C-alpha cells in the first residue's frame, strides 16, 4: 500500500549517505523502537520523556496520574487538566460523537470491573452492573473536564497513539525528518529511508487468519491496529476480549478479529481502530467510507476494506 501523495520537503532534507540509528526502550506498559536516519545524540531520552509525559497525565494504571486523580475526584466537579490531556480528550469525544458512541472514553468503571484496569485481572466474569449514566464533559475554553456518577475516564484506546505523535513531534522539532517510530504496535513513519525507500511495515494479522499481511509504505503516515485477540482472559472455556461494546458494557461479540486504520496522526488512527472494532463489518466499513478513513478489517478469514484503503493499493 502506497500513500496517495508524497511530501516534497521530505526529499529536500534527504541524505542518501546517512545511516540508520536504531533505539528501543519500554514505556506505557509496552516496548518501543525507533529507526532514525540521524546520528543526533539524545534521541532515546527525548522519546522516553514524551512517552513519560503521556503516562503521567493519562495512565489509569498510575495512581498519581492526572487521569487517576480525575477519576477519584467527586463526580460533577470540574477538574483542570494539562494541554496534552485536553487535546486527547477532545479527540476522543469527537470520535465518540462521529461513531455514535462506538468509541466511549467514559468506560473506565466497566473496564476496571472486567480486569483491564489498575486493579488487575479478574478470575471470573463479573455480574452485570446497575445501569448508570456514563458521561464525560469537556470545557475546551477552560481546559477542564467533569464526569457523571457512573463514568470513569479510560483513554487506553487512544493515548498510546498520541504518545507516538508526541514523540514524533519532538523528533521533528529536533530536525530529525526521517524516522520510523513504533510503540506497542502503533507506528508512525516520517520521510524516507537513506536508500530512498519508504518505511515499509507489515500489518500484524490475527493468529487465526491465513490472510497474508498488508505491507504499507509509511511516508508521513501512521498505522494503528486494534485486535480482540491481543488482550483478554478465558473463563469457562470462552475468551473475553479487552475491546468493549459501549452499548452493552460487555466485551465485543461482533466477530471482528482486527481493524487497521491509516491516518496522518497516530492518535486518530488509534481511536478510530478502537471504534471500528466494536461494529460489525458492514457498519464499520460504511462508517470508514463516510469519514474518509483508510481502514481494513479481518473477520474470520475474510478482509473488508474501505474505499480509501482500496485507493492506496499499489
C-alpha atoms as a PDB file:
ATOM      1  CA  UNK A   1       0.000   0.000   0.000  1.00  0.00           C
ATOM      2  CA  UNK A   2       1.330   3.387  -1.036  1.00  0.00           C
ATOM      3  CA  UNK A   3       0.261   6.872   0.161  1.00  0.00           C
ATOM      4  CA  UNK A   4      -1.672   8.799  -2.466  1.00  0.00           C
ATOM      5  CA  UNK A   5       0.593  11.842  -2.068  1.00  0.00           C
ATOM      6  CA  UNK A   6       4.294  12.356  -1.343  1.00  0.00           C
ATOM      7  CA  UNK A   7       5.814  15.164   0.704  1.00  0.00           C
ATOM      8  CA  UNK A   8       8.390  17.108  -1.364  1.00  0.00           C
ATOM      9  CA  UNK A   9      10.001  18.533   1.795  1.00  0.00           C
ATOM     10  CA  UNK A  10      10.977  15.023   2.857  1.00  0.00           C
ATOM     11  CA  UNK A  11      13.098  14.587  -0.257  1.00  0.00           C
ATOM     12  CA  UNK A  12      14.669  18.036   0.138  1.00  0.00           C
ATOM     13  CA  UNK A  13      16.018  17.037   3.563  1.00  0.00           C
ATOM     14  CA  UNK A  14      17.088  13.546   2.475  1.00  0.00           C
ATOM     15  CA  UNK A  15      20.678  12.333   2.910  1.00  0.00           C
ATOM     16  CA  UNK A  16      21.291   9.223   0.848  1.00  0.00           C
ATOM     17  CA  UNK A  17      24.649   8.600   2.510  1.00  0.00           C
ATOM     18  CA  UNK A  18      23.336   8.532   6.066  1.00  0.00           C
ATOM     19  CA  UNK A  19      22.984   5.607   8.437  1.00  0.00           C
ATOM     20  CA  UNK A  20      20.002   4.451  10.474  1.00  0.00           C
ATOM     21  CA  UNK A  21      20.245   4.764  14.247  1.00  0.00           C
ATOM     22  CA  UNK A  22      18.204   2.066  15.995  1.00  0.00           C
ATOM     23  CA  UNK A  23      16.985   2.686  19.548  1.00  0.00           C
ATOM     24  CA  UNK A  24      14.484   0.977  21.836  1.00  0.00           C
ATOM     25  CA  UNK A  25      13.021   1.020  25.319  1.00  0.00           C
ATOM     26  CA  UNK A  26       9.926   0.430  27.402  1.00  0.00           C
ATOM     27  CA  UNK A  27       7.094   2.852  28.114  1.00  0.00           C
ATOM     28  CA  UNK A  28       3.343   2.928  28.720  1.00  0.00           C
ATOM     29  CA  UNK A  29       3.299  -0.736  29.679  1.00  0.00           C
ATOM     30  CA  UNK A  30       4.861  -1.920  26.417  1.00  0.00           C
ATOM     31  CA  UNK A  31       8.010  -1.612  24.292  1.00  0.00           C
ATOM     32  CA  UNK A  32       9.005   0.993  21.730  1.00  0.00           C
ATOM     33  CA  UNK A  33      11.509   1.192  18.901  1.00  0.00           C
ATOM     34  CA  UNK A  34      12.921   3.981  16.760  1.00  0.00           C
ATOM     35  CA  UNK A  35      14.706   3.748  13.420  1.00  0.00           C
ATOM     36  CA  UNK A  36      16.053   7.230  12.705  1.00  0.00           C
ATOM     37  CA  UNK A  37      18.077   8.393   9.714  1.00  0.00           C
ATOM     38  CA  UNK A  38      20.066  10.607  12.046  1.00  0.00           C
ATOM     39  CA  UNK A  39      23.213  10.457  14.158  1.00  0.00           C
ATOM     40  CA  UNK A  40      21.911  13.058  16.629  1.00  0.00           C
ATOM     41  CA  UNK A  41      22.550  12.165  20.290  1.00  0.00           C
ATOM     42  CA  UNK A  42      19.907  12.038  22.991  1.00  0.00           C
ATOM     43  CA  UNK A  43      17.043  10.755  20.847  1.00  0.00           C
ATOM     44  CA  UNK A  44      16.188   7.872  23.164  1.00  0.00           C
ATOM     45  CA  UNK A  45      15.927  10.191  26.161  1.00  0.00           C
ATOM     46  CA  UNK A  46      13.679  12.610  24.275  1.00  0.00           C
ATOM     47  CA  UNK A  47      11.355   9.894  23.042  1.00  0.00           C
ATOM     48  CA  UNK A  48      11.197   8.341  26.512  1.00  0.00           C
ATOM     49  CA  UNK A  49      10.388  11.736  28.015  1.00  0.00           C
ATOM     50  CA  UNK A  50       7.469  12.224  25.607  1.00  0.00           C
ATOM     51  CA  UNK A  51       6.026   8.822  26.487  1.00  0.00           C
ATOM     52  CA  UNK A  52       6.540   9.576  30.164  1.00  0.00           C
ATOM     53  CA  UNK A  53       4.533  12.784  29.879  1.00  0.00           C
ATOM     54  CA  UNK A  54       1.580  10.846  28.453  1.00  0.00           C
ATOM     55  CA  UNK A  55       1.847   8.264  31.241  1.00  0.00           C
ATOM     56  CA  UNK A  56       1.923  10.922  33.973  1.00  0.00           C
ATOM     57  CA  UNK A  57      -1.149  12.591  32.553  1.00  0.00           C
ATOM     58  CA  UNK A  58      -3.311   9.818  31.076  1.00  0.00           C
ATOM     59  CA  UNK A  59      -2.475   6.418  32.571  1.00  0.00           C
ATOM     60  CA  UNK A  60      -5.203   4.685  34.552  1.00  0.00           C
ATOM     61  CA  UNK A  61      -2.526   2.365  35.983  1.00  0.00           C
ATOM     62  CA  UNK A  62      -0.560   5.204  37.601  1.00  0.00           C
ATOM     63  CA  UNK A  63      -2.322   6.254  40.833  1.00  0.00           C
ATOM     64  CA  UNK A  64      -0.811   9.747  40.700  1.00  0.00           C
ATOM     65  CA  UNK A  65      -1.610  10.463  37.046  1.00  0.00           C
ATOM     66  CA  UNK A  66      -3.935  13.334  36.188  1.00  0.00           C
ATOM     67  CA  UNK A  67      -6.458  10.821  34.863  1.00  0.00           C
ATOM     68  CA  UNK A  68      -6.431   8.733  38.047  1.00  0.00           C
ATOM     69  CA  UNK A  69      -6.886  11.822  40.187  1.00  0.00           C
ATOM     70  CA  UNK A  70      -9.789  12.902  37.989  1.00  0.00           C
ATOM     71  CA  UNK A  71     -11.469   9.515  38.357  1.00  0.00           C
ATOM     72  CA  UNK A  72     -11.106   9.673  42.155  1.00  0.00           C
ATOM     73  CA  UNK A  73     -12.468  13.217  42.404  1.00  0.00           C
ATOM     74  CA  UNK A  74     -16.179  13.699  43.165  1.00  0.00           C
ATOM     75  CA  UNK A  75     -18.463  13.314  40.179  1.00  0.00           C
ATOM     76  CA  UNK A  76     -19.923  16.507  38.772  1.00  0.00           C
ATOM     77  CA  UNK A  77     -16.970  18.736  39.726  1.00  0.00           C
ATOM     78  CA  UNK A  78     -14.886  20.416  37.039  1.00  0.00           C
ATOM     79  CA  UNK A  79     -11.211  19.415  37.071  1.00  0.00           C
ATOM     80  CA  UNK A  80      -8.490  21.323  35.218  1.00  0.00           C
ATOM     81  CA  UNK A  81      -6.212  19.213  33.014  1.00  0.00           C
ATOM     82  CA  UNK A  82      -2.907  19.831  31.159  1.00  0.00           C
ATOM     83  CA  UNK A  83      -2.902  20.792  27.457  1.00  0.00           C
ATOM     84  CA  UNK A  84      -1.827  17.372  26.177  1.00  0.00           C
ATOM     85  CA  UNK A  85      -4.520  15.657  28.216  1.00  0.00           C
ATOM     86  CA  UNK A  86      -7.099  18.140  26.946  1.00  0.00           C
ATOM     87  CA  UNK A  87      -6.019  17.517  23.339  1.00  0.00           C
ATOM     88  CA  UNK A  88      -6.581  13.772  23.685  1.00  0.00           C
ATOM     89  CA  UNK A  89      -9.925  14.171  25.480  1.00  0.00           C
ATOM     90  CA  UNK A  90     -11.142  16.488  22.714  1.00  0.00           C
ATOM     91  CA  UNK A  91     -10.161  13.959  20.030  1.00  0.00           C
ATOM     92  CA  UNK A  92     -11.722  11.077  21.987  1.00  0.00           C
ATOM     93  CA  UNK A  93     -15.043  12.894  22.345  1.00  0.00           C
ATOM     94  CA  UNK A  94     -15.025  13.843  18.653  1.00  0.00           C
ATOM     95  CA  UNK A  95     -14.547  10.198  17.643  1.00  0.00           C
ATOM     96  CA  UNK A  96     -17.220   9.173  20.160  1.00  0.00           C
ATOM     97  CA  UNK A  97     -19.711  11.578  18.571  1.00  0.00           C
ATOM     98  CA  UNK A  98     -18.779  10.668  14.987  1.00  0.00           C
ATOM     99  CA  UNK A  99     -19.075   6.938  15.742  1.00  0.00           C
ATOM    100  CA  UNK A 100     -22.425   7.288  17.555  1.00  0.00           C
ATOM    101  CA  UNK A 101     -20.819   6.021  20.749  1.00  0.00           C
ATOM    102  CA  UNK A 102     -18.856   3.065  19.356  1.00  0.00           C
ATOM    103  CA  UNK A 103     -15.855   4.752  20.944  1.00  0.00           C
ATOM    104  CA  UNK A 104     -16.534   5.688  24.562  1.00  0.00           C
ATOM    105  CA  UNK A 105     -13.806   7.249  26.729  1.00  0.00           C
ATOM    106  CA  UNK A 106     -16.095   7.034  29.795  1.00  0.00           C
ATOM    107  CA  UNK A 107     -15.885   3.224  30.088  1.00  0.00           C
ATOM    108  CA  UNK A 108     -13.279   3.235  32.872  1.00  0.00           C
ATOM    109  CA  UNK A 109     -15.539   1.829  35.594  1.00  0.00           C
ATOM    110  CA  UNK A 110     -16.556  -1.057  33.321  1.00  0.00           C
ATOM    111  CA  UNK A 111     -13.043  -1.930  32.138  1.00  0.00           C
ATOM    112  CA  UNK A 112     -11.921  -1.942  35.779  1.00  0.00           C
ATOM    113  CA  UNK A 113     -14.684  -4.403  36.713  1.00  0.00           C
ATOM    114  CA  UNK A 114     -13.613  -6.705  33.897  1.00  0.00           C
ATOM    115  CA  UNK A 115      -9.985  -6.719  34.986  1.00  0.00           C
ATOM    116  CA  UNK A 116      -8.451  -4.432  32.372  1.00  0.00           C
ATOM    117  CA  UNK A 117      -7.670  -1.513  34.663  1.00  0.00           C
ATOM    118  CA  UNK A 118      -5.410  -0.641  37.561  1.00  0.00           C
ATOM    119  CA  UNK A 119      -6.913  -3.282  39.901  1.00  0.00           C
ATOM    120  CA  UNK A 120      -5.569  -6.065  37.689  1.00  0.00           C
ATOM    121  CA  UNK A 121      -7.087  -9.226  36.181  1.00  0.00           C
ATOM    122  CA  UNK A 122     -10.225 -10.934  37.429  1.00  0.00           C
ATOM    123  CA  UNK A 123     -10.678 -14.695  37.759  1.00  0.00           C
ATOM    124  CA  UNK A 124     -14.296 -14.844  36.617  1.00  0.00           C
ATOM    125  CA  UNK A 125     -16.833 -12.975  34.521  1.00  0.00           C
ATOM    126  CA  UNK A 126     -18.310 -10.121  36.592  1.00  0.00           C
ATOM    127  CA  UNK A 127     -22.040  -9.788  37.019  1.00  0.00           C
ATOM    128  CA  UNK A 128     -23.968  -7.044  35.284  1.00  0.00           C
ATOM    129  CA  UNK A 129     -23.513  -3.662  36.900  1.00  0.00           C
ATOM    130  CA  UNK A 130     -26.504  -1.457  37.691  1.00  0.00           C
ATOM    131  CA  UNK A 131     -27.391   0.859  34.818  1.00  0.00           C
ATOM    132  CA  UNK A 132     -25.749   4.248  35.264  1.00  0.00           C
ATOM    133  CA  UNK A 133     -25.230   7.278  33.090  1.00  0.00           C
ATOM    134  CA  UNK A 134     -21.738   7.468  31.577  1.00  0.00           C
ATOM    135  CA  UNK A 135     -20.819  10.969  30.519  1.00  0.00           C
ATOM    136  CA  UNK A 136     -17.601  12.973  30.365  1.00  0.00           C
ATOM    137  CA  UNK A 137     -17.914  16.658  29.529  1.00  0.00           C
ATOM    138  CA  UNK A 138     -15.092  18.821  28.205  1.00  0.00           C
ATOM    139  CA  UNK A 139     -14.856  22.595  28.564  1.00  0.00           C
ATOM    140  CA  UNK A 140     -12.303  23.457  25.868  1.00  0.00           C
ATOM    141  CA  UNK A 141     -12.181  27.173  26.660  1.00  0.00           C
ATOM    142  CA  UNK A 142     -11.009  26.476  30.210  1.00  0.00           C
ATOM    143  CA  UNK A 143      -9.245  23.130  29.615  1.00  0.00           C
ATOM    144  CA  UNK A 144     -11.279  21.238  32.197  1.00  0.00           C
ATOM    145  CA  UNK A 145     -13.451  18.114  32.374  1.00  0.00           C
ATOM    146  CA  UNK A 146     -16.097  16.604  34.610  1.00  0.00           C
ATOM    147  CA  UNK A 147     -17.864  13.253  34.751  1.00  0.00           C
ATOM    148  CA  UNK A 148     -21.213  11.824  35.694  1.00  0.00           C
ATOM    149  CA  UNK A 149     -21.536   9.469  38.670  1.00  0.00           C
ATOM    150  CA  UNK A 150     -21.348   6.298  36.547  1.00  0.00           C
ATOM    151  CA  UNK A 151     -18.418   7.412  34.400  1.00  0.00           C
ATOM    152  CA  UNK A 152     -14.673   6.984  34.747  1.00  0.00           C
ATOM    153  CA  UNK A 153     -12.224   8.084  32.100  1.00  0.00           C
ATOM    154  CA  UNK A 154     -10.318   5.410  30.150  1.00  0.00           C
ATOM    155  CA  UNK A 155      -8.105   6.642  27.304  1.00  0.00           C
ATOM    156  CA  UNK A 156      -6.336   3.344  26.639  1.00  0.00           C
ATOM    157  CA  UNK A 157      -7.942   3.182  23.188  1.00  0.00           C
ATOM    158  CA  UNK A 158      -6.294   6.407  22.018  1.00  0.00           C
ATOM    159  CA  UNK A 159      -3.485   7.534  24.365  1.00  0.00           C
ATOM    160  CA  UNK A 160      -0.839   5.172  23.001  1.00  0.00           C
ATOM    161  CA  UNK A 161      -1.325   6.610  19.521  1.00  0.00           C
ATOM    162  CA  UNK A 162      -0.994  10.098  20.970  1.00  0.00           C
ATOM    163  CA  UNK A 163       2.231   9.057  22.672  1.00  0.00           C
ATOM    164  CA  UNK A 164       3.638   8.178  19.252  1.00  0.00           C
ATOM    165  CA  UNK A 165       2.550  11.559  17.889  1.00  0.00           C
ATOM    166  CA  UNK A 166       4.017  13.487  20.818  1.00  0.00           C
ATOM    167  CA  UNK A 167       7.381  11.732  20.471  1.00  0.00           C
ATOM    168  CA  UNK A 168       7.283  12.241  16.681  1.00  0.00           C
ATOM    169  CA  UNK A 169       6.611  15.963  17.108  1.00  0.00           C
ATOM    170  CA  UNK A 170       9.608  16.176  19.444  1.00  0.00           C
ATOM    171  CA  UNK A 171      11.834  14.379  16.909  1.00  0.00           C
ATOM    172  CA  UNK A 172      10.725  16.675  14.102  1.00  0.00           C
ATOM    173  CA  UNK A 173      11.453  19.642  16.365  1.00  0.00           C
ATOM    174  CA  UNK A 174      14.999  18.347  16.769  1.00  0.00           C
ATOM    175  CA  UNK A 175      15.442  18.347  12.999  1.00  0.00           C
ATOM    176  CA  UNK A 176      15.047  14.567  12.651  1.00  0.00           C
ATOM    177  CA  UNK A 177      12.970  14.380   9.466  1.00  0.00           C
ATOM    178  CA  UNK A 178      13.254  10.695   8.545  1.00  0.00           C
ATOM    179  CA  UNK A 179      12.284   8.004  11.046  1.00  0.00           C
ATOM    180  CA  UNK A 180      10.018   5.089  11.903  1.00  0.00           C
ATOM    181  CA  UNK A 181       8.646   5.112  15.454  1.00  0.00           C
ATOM    182  CA  UNK A 182       6.657   2.258  16.990  1.00  0.00           C
ATOM    183  CA  UNK A 183       5.023   1.890  20.400  1.00  0.00           C
ATOM    184  CA  UNK A 184       3.234  -1.355  21.228  1.00  0.00           C
ATOM    185  CA  UNK A 185       2.149  -1.919  17.630  1.00  0.00           C
ATOM    186  CA  UNK A 186       1.124   1.679  16.857  1.00  0.00           C
ATOM    187  CA  UNK A 187       3.550   3.095  14.302  1.00  0.00           C
ATOM    188  CA  UNK A 188       4.360   6.357  12.528  1.00  0.00           C
ATOM    189  CA  UNK A 189       6.729   6.813   9.604  1.00  0.00           C
ATOM    190  CA  UNK A 190       8.169  10.167   8.575  1.00  0.00           C
ATOM    191  CA  UNK A 191      10.070  10.863   5.384  1.00  0.00           C
ATOM    192  CA  UNK A 192      12.099   8.106   3.738  1.00  0.00           C
ATOM    193  CA  UNK A 193      14.997   5.753   4.395  1.00  0.00           C
ATOM    194  CA  UNK A 194      18.567   6.689   3.369  1.00  0.00           C
ATOM    195  CA  UNK A 195      18.301   4.225   0.460  1.00  0.00           C
ATOM    196  CA  UNK A 196      15.369   6.204  -0.941  1.00  0.00           C
ATOM    197  CA  UNK A 197      12.779   3.615   0.059  1.00  0.00           C
ATOM    198  CA  UNK A 198       9.791   4.436   2.257  1.00  0.00           C
ATOM    199  CA  UNK A 199       9.482   2.887   5.696  1.00  0.00           C
ATOM    200  CA  UNK A 200       7.826  -0.421   4.798  1.00  0.00           C
ATOM    201  CA  UNK A 201       5.899  -2.151   7.584  1.00  0.00           C
ATOM    202  CA  UNK A 202       3.810  -5.323   7.645  1.00  0.00           C
ATOM    203  CA  UNK A 203       0.493  -5.161   9.486  1.00  0.00           C
ATOM    204  CA  UNK A 204       0.071  -7.892  12.084  1.00  0.00           C
ATOM    205  CA  UNK A 205      -2.636 -10.394  11.185  1.00  0.00           C
ATOM    206  CA  UNK A 206      -4.752 -12.311  13.734  1.00  0.00           C
ATOM    207  CA  UNK A 207      -3.143 -15.672  14.528  1.00  0.00           C
ATOM    208  CA  UNK A 208      -6.273 -17.499  13.356  1.00  0.00           C
ATOM    209  CA  UNK A 209      -6.267 -15.875   9.893  1.00  0.00           C
ATOM    210  CA  UNK A 210      -4.425 -17.263   6.867  1.00  0.00           C
ATOM    211  CA  UNK A 211      -4.515 -13.902   5.069  1.00  0.00           C
ATOM    212  CA  UNK A 212      -1.057 -12.587   4.094  1.00  0.00           C
ATOM    213  CA  UNK A 213      -0.124  -9.370   5.924  1.00  0.00           C
ATOM    214  CA  UNK A 214      -0.629  -5.992   4.308  1.00  0.00           C
ATOM    215  CA  UNK A 215       2.625  -4.159   3.545  1.00  0.00           C
ATOM    216  CA  UNK A 216       2.369  -0.399   3.894  1.00  0.00           C
ATOM    217  CA  UNK A 217       4.725   2.400   2.874  1.00  0.00           C
ATOM    218  CA  UNK A 218       4.613   4.699   5.900  1.00  0.00           C
ATOM    219  CA  UNK A 219       5.642   8.002   4.361  1.00  0.00           C
ATOM    220  CA  UNK A 220       4.342  10.762   6.651  1.00  0.00           C
ATOM    221  CA  UNK A 221       1.649   8.334   7.744  1.00  0.00           C
ATOM    222  CA  UNK A 222       0.606   6.369  10.824  1.00  0.00           C
ATOM    223  CA  UNK A 223      -0.942   2.942  11.259  1.00  0.00           C
ATOM    224  CA  UNK A 224      -2.824   1.595  14.275  1.00  0.00           C
ATOM    225  CA  UNK A 225      -4.261  -1.882  14.701  1.00  0.00           C
ATOM    226  CA  UNK A 226      -6.868  -2.962  17.231  1.00  0.00           C
ATOM    227  CA  UNK A 227      -7.243  -6.712  17.696  1.00  0.00           C
ATOM    228  CA  UNK A 228      -9.537  -8.507  20.130  1.00  0.00           C
ATOM    229  CA  UNK A 229      -7.003 -11.371  20.383  1.00  0.00           C
ATOM    230  CA  UNK A 230      -4.247  -9.217  21.843  1.00  0.00           C
ATOM    231  CA  UNK A 231      -5.589  -8.960  25.371  1.00  0.00           C
ATOM    232  CA  UNK A 232      -8.311 -10.722  27.275  1.00  0.00           C
ATOM    233  CA  UNK A 233      -8.978 -13.629  29.566  1.00  0.00           C
ATOM    234  CA  UNK A 234     -10.562 -17.062  29.363  1.00  0.00           C
ATOM    235  CA  UNK A 235     -13.374 -18.156  31.691  1.00  0.00           C
ATOM    236  CA  UNK A 236     -15.393 -21.365  31.377  1.00  0.00           C
ATOM    237  CA  UNK A 237     -13.708 -22.086  28.064  1.00  0.00           C
ATOM    238  CA  UNK A 238     -14.642 -18.757  26.472  1.00  0.00           C
ATOM    239  CA  UNK A 239     -12.285 -15.923  25.511  1.00  0.00           C
ATOM    240  CA  UNK A 240     -13.376 -12.441  26.576  1.00  0.00           C
ATOM    241  CA  UNK A 241     -11.823  -9.555  24.651  1.00  0.00           C
ATOM    242  CA  UNK A 242     -10.465  -6.333  26.113  1.00  0.00           C
ATOM    243  CA  UNK A 243     -12.477  -4.457  23.457  1.00  0.00           C
ATOM    244  CA  UNK A 244     -15.852  -3.367  24.805  1.00  0.00           C
ATOM    245  CA  UNK A 245     -19.156  -2.576  23.176  1.00  0.00           C
ATOM    246  CA  UNK A 246     -20.307   0.618  24.929  1.00  0.00           C
ATOM    247  CA  UNK A 247     -23.956  -0.184  24.161  1.00  0.00           C
ATOM    248  CA  UNK A 248     -23.825  -3.369  26.273  1.00  0.00           C
ATOM    249  CA  UNK A 249     -20.942  -2.663  28.641  1.00  0.00           C
ATOM    250  CA  UNK A 250     -19.532  -6.085  27.747  1.00  0.00           C
ATOM    251  CA  UNK A 251     -16.705  -7.407  25.525  1.00  0.00           C
ATOM    252  CA  UNK A 252     -17.445  -7.266  21.817  1.00  0.00           C
ATOM    253  CA  UNK A 253     -19.190 -10.132  20.032  1.00  0.00           C
ATOM    254  CA  UNK A 254     -19.095  -8.638  16.514  1.00  0.00           C
ATOM    255  CA  UNK A 255     -16.785 -11.330  15.161  1.00  0.00           C
ATOM    256  CA  UNK A 256     -14.218  -8.697  14.174  1.00  0.00           C
ATOM    257  CA  UNK A 257     -10.709 -10.064  14.762  1.00  0.00           C
ATOM    258  CA  UNK A 258      -8.739  -6.911  13.962  1.00  0.00           C
ATOM    259  CA  UNK A 259      -9.017  -3.457  12.439  1.00  0.00           C
ATOM    260  CA  UNK A 260      -6.186  -1.370  10.999  1.00  0.00           C
ATOM    261  CA  UNK A 261      -6.591   2.340  10.288  1.00  0.00           C
ATOM    262  CA  UNK A 262      -4.145   4.624   8.460  1.00  0.00           C
ATOM    263  CA  UNK A 263      -4.036   8.347   9.193  1.00  0.00           C
ATOM    264  CA  UNK A 264      -1.547  11.188   9.333  1.00  0.00           C
ATOM    265  CA  UNK A 265      -1.923  11.274  13.122  1.00  0.00           C
ATOM    266  CA  UNK A 266      -1.371   8.075  15.071  1.00  0.00           C
ATOM    267  CA  UNK A 267      -3.812   9.240  17.756  1.00  0.00           C
ATOM    268  CA  UNK A 268      -6.647   9.463  15.242  1.00  0.00           C
ATOM    269  CA  UNK A 269      -5.736   6.102  13.698  1.00  0.00           C
ATOM    270  CA  UNK A 270      -5.659   4.539  17.177  1.00  0.00           C
ATOM    271  CA  UNK A 271      -9.015   5.952  18.258  1.00  0.00           C
ATOM    272  CA  UNK A 272     -10.786   5.013  15.044  1.00  0.00           C
ATOM    273  CA  UNK A 273      -9.326   1.486  15.044  1.00  0.00           C
ATOM    274  CA  UNK A 274     -10.832   1.075  18.518  1.00  0.00           C
ATOM    275  CA  UNK A 275     -14.211   2.435  17.414  1.00  0.00           C
ATOM    276  CA  UNK A 276     -14.478   0.351  14.243  1.00  0.00           C
ATOM    277  CA  UNK A 277     -13.592  -2.842  16.119  1.00  0.00           C
ATOM    278  CA  UNK A 278     -16.868  -2.545  18.048  1.00  0.00           C
ATOM    279  CA  UNK A 279     -19.002  -2.522  14.898  1.00  0.00           C
ATOM    280  CA  UNK A 280     -19.751  -5.377  12.535  1.00  0.00           C
ATOM    281  CA  UNK A 281     -18.006  -5.277   9.151  1.00  0.00           C
ATOM    282  CA  UNK A 282     -20.836  -3.650   7.199  1.00  0.00           C
ATOM    283  CA  UNK A 283     -21.383  -0.806   9.658  1.00  0.00           C
ATOM    284  CA  UNK A 284     -17.660  -0.305  10.253  1.00  0.00           C
ATOM    285  CA  UNK A 285     -16.718  -0.057   6.584  1.00  0.00           C
ATOM    286  CA  UNK A 286     -19.697   2.185   5.830  1.00  0.00           C
ATOM    287  CA  UNK A 287     -18.615   4.489   8.658  1.00  0.00           C
ATOM    288  CA  UNK A 288     -14.988   4.449   7.479  1.00  0.00           C
ATOM    289  CA  UNK A 289     -16.162   5.437   3.985  1.00  0.00           C
ATOM    290  CA  UNK A 290     -18.309   8.235   5.417  1.00  0.00           C
ATOM    291  CA  UNK A 291     -15.322   9.538   7.416  1.00  0.00           C
ATOM    292  CA  UNK A 292     -12.844   9.156   4.535  1.00  0.00           C
ATOM    293  CA  UNK A 293     -10.735   6.703   6.537  1.00  0.00           C
ATOM    294  CA  UNK A 294      -8.320   4.149   5.116  1.00  0.00           C
ATOM    295  CA  UNK A 295      -9.428   1.121   7.130  1.00  0.00           C
ATOM    296  CA  UNK A 296      -9.185  -2.649   6.793  1.00  0.00           C
ATOM    297  CA  UNK A 297     -10.887  -5.309   8.868  1.00  0.00           C
ATOM    298  CA  UNK A 298     -10.361  -9.028   9.321  1.00  0.00           C
ATOM    299  CA  UNK A 299     -13.402 -11.143  10.169  1.00  0.00           C
ATOM    300  CA  UNK A 300     -12.633 -14.845  10.249  1.00  0.00           C
ATOM    301  CA  UNK A 301     -10.607 -15.393   7.094  1.00  0.00           C
ATOM    302  CA  UNK A 302     -12.133 -12.510   5.149  1.00  0.00           C
ATOM    303  CA  UNK A 303     -10.918  -8.981   4.522  1.00  0.00           C
ATOM    304  CA  UNK A 304     -13.181  -5.935   4.431  1.00  0.00           C
ATOM    305  CA  UNK A 305     -11.631  -2.658   3.256  1.00  0.00           C
ATOM    306  CA  UNK A 306     -12.808   0.917   2.871  1.00  0.00           C
ATOM    307  CA  UNK A 307     -12.716   2.936  -0.359  1.00  0.00           C
ATOM    308  CA  UNK A 308      -9.744   4.970   0.862  1.00  0.00           C
ATOM    309  CA  UNK A 309      -7.810   1.810   1.710  1.00  0.00           C
ATOM    310  CA  UNK A 310      -8.573   0.333  -1.706  1.00  0.00           C
ATOM    311  CA  UNK A 311      -7.359   3.531  -3.380  1.00  0.00           C
ATOM    312  CA  UNK A 312      -3.933   3.087  -1.735  1.00  0.00           C
ATOM    313  CA  UNK A 313      -3.413  -0.455  -3.009  1.00  0.00           C
ATOM    314  CA  UNK A 314      -0.467  -0.381  -5.383  1.00  0.00           C
END
